[in-house]
Amino acid sequence: MATQPEKKCPICGRSADEKLLPFCSRRCADIDLNRWLSGAYAIPARDDEPVEPDEDQ
């Protein structure tokens, strides 16, 4: 049976802890959470449709 490749922490690159996947420690998990909350990570958005002017104006 093939073994699973070792999972790496996305923050520091060390081996991930099974209890804290995908992170290796609570510290790395908190760093990631802070990046999300501070806006360092962002999901890109694009405008597919042009904005139509309001008819009330």
C-alpha atoms as a PDB file:
ATOM      1  CA  MET A   1       0.000   0.000   0.000  1.00  0.00           C
ATOM      2  CA  ALA A   2       1.371   3.427  -0.948  1.00  0.00           C
ATOM      3  CA  THR A   3       2.125   5.862   1.842  1.00  0.00           C
ATOM      4  CA  GLN A   4       0.643   9.336   1.891  1.00  0.00           C
ATOM      5  CA  PRO A   5       3.074  12.179   1.192  1.00  0.00           C
ATOM      6  CA  GLU A   6       4.007  14.167   4.261  1.00  0.00           C
ATOM      7  CA  LYS A   7       1.710  17.147   4.726  1.00  0.00           C
ATOM      8  CA  LYS A   8       3.474  20.479   5.162  1.00  0.00           C
ATOM      9  CA  CYS A   9       2.287  23.510   7.096  1.00  0.00           C
ATOM     10  CA  PRO A  10       1.348  26.290   4.628  1.00  0.00           C
ATOM     11  CA  ILE A  11       2.794  28.952   6.947  1.00  0.00           C
ATOM     12  CA  CYS A  12       6.226  27.613   7.910  1.00  0.00           C
ATOM     13  CA  GLY A  13       6.688  24.405   5.898  1.00  0.00           C
ATOM     14  CA  ARG A  14       7.196  22.061   8.857  1.00  0.00           C
ATOM     15  CA  SER A  15       5.324  18.758   9.158  1.00  0.00           C
ATOM     16  CA  ALA A  16       1.628  19.280   9.859  1.00  0.00           C
ATOM     17  CA  ASP A  17       0.086  18.071  13.120  1.00  0.00           C
ATOM     18  CA  GLU A  18      -2.893  15.732  12.593  1.00  0.00           C
ATOM     19  CA  LYS A  19      -4.889  17.609  15.270  1.00  0.00           C
ATOM     20  CA  LEU A  20      -4.295  21.013  13.665  1.00  0.00           C
ATOM     21  CA  LEU A  21      -4.385  20.196   9.945  1.00  0.00           C
ATOM     22  CA  PRO A  22      -3.196  21.795   7.774  1.00  0.00           C
ATOM     23  CA  PHE A  23      -0.989  23.586  10.311  1.00  0.00           C
ATOM     24  CA  CYS A  24       1.903  22.371  12.471  1.00  0.00           C
ATOM     25  CA  SER A  25       1.045  24.407  15.569  1.00  0.00           C
ATOM     26  CA  ARG A  26      -1.580  26.664  17.092  1.00  0.00           C
ATOM     27  CA  ARG A  27       0.762  29.590  16.396  1.00  0.00           C
ATOM     28  CA  CYS A  28       0.710  28.950  12.628  1.00  0.00           C
ATOM     29  CA  ALA A  29      -3.073  28.536  12.721  1.00  0.00           C
ATOM     30  CA  ASP A  30      -3.380  31.902  14.486  1.00  0.00           C
ATOM     31  CA  ILE A  31      -1.059  33.564  11.951  1.00  0.00           C
ATOM     32  CA  ASP A  32      -3.286  32.287   9.135  1.00  0.00           C
ATOM     33  CA  LEU A  33      -6.444  33.488  10.901  1.00  0.00           C
ATOM     34  CA  ASN A  34      -4.903  36.929  11.399  1.00  0.00           C
ATOM     35  CA  ARG A  35      -4.066  37.127   7.698  1.00  0.00           C
ATOM     36  CA  TRP A  36      -7.684  36.415   6.798  1.00  0.00           C
ATOM     37  CA  LEU A  37      -9.068  38.893   9.328  1.00  0.00           C
ATOM     38  CA  SER A  38      -6.660  41.673   8.355  1.00  0.00           C
ATOM     39  CA  GLY A  39      -7.429  41.323   4.645  1.00  0.00           C
ATOM     40  CA  ALA A  40      -4.007  40.008   3.633  1.00  0.00           C
ATOM     41  CA  TYR A  41      -5.811  37.167   1.861  1.00  0.00           C
ATOM     42  CA  ALA A  42      -8.521  38.069  -0.596  1.00  0.00           C
ATOM     43  CA  ILE A  43     -10.701  36.136  -2.967  1.00  0.00           C
ATOM     44  CA  PRO A  44     -10.448  37.840  -6.354  1.00  0.00           C
ATOM     45  CA  ALA A  45     -13.665  39.057  -7.897  1.00  0.00           C
ATOM     46  CA  ARG A  46     -14.438  40.195 -11.375  1.00  0.00           C
ATOM     47  CA  ASP A  47     -17.330  42.086 -12.843  1.00  0.00           C
ATOM     48  CA  ASP A  48     -18.812  39.966 -15.612  1.00  0.00           C
ATOM     49  CA  GLU A  49     -21.770  42.211 -16.279  1.00  0.00           C
ATOM     50  CA  PRO A  50     -21.686  45.970 -16.715  1.00  0.00           C
ATOM     51  CA  VAL A  51     -23.459  47.983 -14.040  1.00  0.00           C
ATOM     52  CA  GLU A  52     -26.751  49.379 -15.281  1.00  0.00           C
ATOM     53  CA  PRO A  53     -27.713  52.891 -14.177  1.00  0.00           C
ATOM     54  CA  ASP A  54     -30.699  53.196 -11.842  1.00  0.00           C
ATOM     55  CA  GLU A  55     -33.962  53.985 -13.643  1.00  0.00           C
ATOM     56  CA  ASP A  56     -35.126  56.204 -10.773  1.00  0.00           C
ATOM     57  CA  GLN A  57     -32.548  58.894 -11.471  1.00  0.00           C
END
